[in-house]
Amino acid sequence: MALKAKVLSQYCKSCGYCVNFCPKKALSFGKERNAIGAFFPVVDLEKCIGCGICATMCPDAALELREEVNNG
């Protein structure tokens, strides 16, 4: 199992810190909005290395690291 970023969309305010600071460019803004109308990022799990920089940089605690379970 590997750690991967998980977006908690309900807390996101679209500041973009996670997208800008990700060293692997694994985050990008999606087309959906949350309850406050903010676009929130989506994670490319193939690119994410689980470093946690996105979660550290997020001022709203809208990202966390979770263990990814392989089903294979």
C-alpha atoms as a PDB file:
ATOM      1  CA  MET A   1       0.000   0.000   0.000  1.00  0.00           C
ATOM      2  CA  ALA A   2       1.163   3.503  -0.801  1.00  0.00           C
ATOM      3  CA  LEU A   3       0.158   6.898   0.529  1.00  0.00           C
ATOM      4  CA  LYS A   4      -1.738   9.086  -1.911  1.00  0.00           C
ATOM      5  CA  ALA A   5      -3.303  12.532  -1.655  1.00  0.00           C
ATOM      6  CA  LYS A   6      -7.043  12.688  -1.022  1.00  0.00           C
ATOM      7  CA  VAL A   7      -8.978  15.928  -1.576  1.00  0.00           C
ATOM      8  CA  LEU A   8     -11.601  16.847   1.016  1.00  0.00           C
ATOM      9  CA  SER A   9     -13.572  18.978  -1.421  1.00  0.00           C
ATOM     10  CA  GLN A  10     -15.939  20.450   1.152  1.00  0.00           C
ATOM     11  CA  TYR A  11     -13.043  22.411   2.735  1.00  0.00           C
ATOM     12  CA  CYS A  12     -11.398  23.676  -0.464  1.00  0.00           C
ATOM     13  CA  LYS A  13     -11.494  27.398  -1.282  1.00  0.00           C
ATOM     14  CA  SER A  14      -9.586  27.163  -4.602  1.00  0.00           C
ATOM     15  CA  CYS A  15      -6.440  28.924  -3.372  1.00  0.00           C
ATOM     16  CA  GLY A  16      -4.292  26.767  -5.670  1.00  0.00           C
ATOM     17  CA  TYR A  17      -1.399  26.204  -3.254  1.00  0.00           C
ATOM     18  CA  CYS A  18      -1.648  22.430  -3.605  1.00  0.00           C
ATOM     19  CA  VAL A  19      -1.648  22.618  -7.401  1.00  0.00           C
ATOM     20  CA  ASN A  20       1.254  25.074  -7.505  1.00  0.00           C
ATOM     21  CA  PHE A  21       3.496  23.307  -4.991  1.00  0.00           C
ATOM     22  CA  CYS A  22       3.038  19.678  -6.082  1.00  0.00           C
ATOM     23  CA  PRO A  23       6.471  18.562  -7.317  1.00  0.00           C
ATOM     24  CA  LYS A  24       4.954  15.940  -9.638  1.00  0.00           C
ATOM     25  CA  LYS A  25       2.085  18.091 -10.949  1.00  0.00           C
ATOM     26  CA  ALA A  26      -0.338  15.426  -9.741  1.00  0.00           C
ATOM     27  CA  LEU A  27      -3.057  17.942  -8.868  1.00  0.00           C
ATOM     28  CA  SER A  28      -5.165  20.034 -11.212  1.00  0.00           C
ATOM     29  CA  PHE A  29      -8.446  21.862 -10.828  1.00  0.00           C
ATOM     30  CA  GLY A  30     -11.467  19.907 -11.945  1.00  0.00           C
ATOM     31  CA  LYS A  31     -14.698  21.216 -13.416  1.00  0.00           C
ATOM     32  CA  GLU A  32     -16.875  20.529 -10.387  1.00  0.00           C
ATOM     33  CA  ARG A  33     -17.604  23.029  -7.630  1.00  0.00           C
ATOM     34  CA  ASN A  34     -18.148  22.386  -3.949  1.00  0.00           C
ATOM     35  CA  ALA A  35     -20.977  23.768  -1.779  1.00  0.00           C
ATOM     36  CA  ILE A  36     -19.372  27.232  -1.542  1.00  0.00           C
ATOM     37  CA  GLY A  37     -18.870  27.408  -5.307  1.00  0.00           C
ATOM     38  CA  ALA A  38     -15.128  26.775  -5.306  1.00  0.00           C
ATOM     39  CA  PHE A  39     -13.466  24.598  -7.904  1.00  0.00           C
ATOM     40  CA  PHE A  40     -11.502  21.884  -6.152  1.00  0.00           C
ATOM     41  CA  PRO A  41      -8.500  19.889  -7.355  1.00  0.00           C
ATOM     42  CA  VAL A  42      -8.432  16.306  -8.516  1.00  0.00           C
ATOM     43  CA  VAL A  43      -5.508  13.969  -7.927  1.00  0.00           C
ATOM     44  CA  ASP A  44      -3.812  12.004 -10.690  1.00  0.00           C
ATOM     45  CA  LEU A  45      -3.010   8.893  -8.656  1.00  0.00           C
ATOM     46  CA  GLU A  46      -0.494   7.726 -11.249  1.00  0.00           C
ATOM     47  CA  LYS A  47       1.600  10.861 -10.678  1.00  0.00           C
ATOM     48  CA  CYS A  48       1.092  11.270  -6.919  1.00  0.00           C
ATOM     49  CA  ILE A  49       4.101  10.090  -4.887  1.00  0.00           C
ATOM     50  CA  GLY A  50       2.479  10.658  -1.488  1.00  0.00           C
ATOM     51  CA  CYS A  51       4.988  13.290  -0.367  1.00  0.00           C
ATOM     52  CA  GLY A  52       2.359  15.332   1.492  1.00  0.00           C
ATOM     53  CA  ILE A  53       3.481  18.742   0.270  1.00  0.00           C
ATOM     54  CA  CYS A  54      -0.056  19.483  -0.914  1.00  0.00           C
ATOM     55  CA  ALA A  55      -1.524  18.740   2.520  1.00  0.00           C
ATOM     56  CA  THR A  56       1.191  20.767   4.248  1.00  0.00           C
ATOM     57  CA  MET A  57       0.642  23.808   2.027  1.00  0.00           C
ATOM     58  CA  CYS A  58      -3.168  23.785   2.211  1.00  0.00           C
ATOM     59  CA  PRO A  59      -4.359  26.503   4.620  1.00  0.00           C
ATOM     60  CA  ASP A  60      -7.824  24.917   4.847  1.00  0.00           C
ATOM     61  CA  ALA A  61      -6.878  21.269   5.601  1.00  0.00           C
ATOM     62  CA  ALA A  62      -8.607  20.205   2.390  1.00  0.00           C
ATOM     63  CA  LEU A  63      -6.058  17.486   1.617  1.00  0.00           C
ATOM     64  CA  GLU A  64      -4.838  14.470   3.492  1.00  0.00           C
ATOM     65  CA  LEU A  65      -2.756  11.417   2.789  1.00  0.00           C
ATOM     66  CA  ARG A  66      -4.461   8.039   2.754  1.00  0.00           C
ATOM     67  CA  GLU A  67      -3.248   4.560   2.042  1.00  0.00           C
ATOM     68  CA  GLU A  68      -4.216   3.434  -1.424  1.00  0.00           C
ATOM     69  CA  VAL A  69      -5.414  -0.144  -1.544  1.00  0.00           C
ATOM     70  CA  ASN A  70      -4.427  -2.154  -4.609  1.00  0.00           C
ATOM     71  CA  ASN A  71      -7.135  -4.523  -5.746  1.00  0.00           C
ATOM     72  CA  GLY A  72      -4.812  -6.672  -7.800  1.00  0.00           C
END
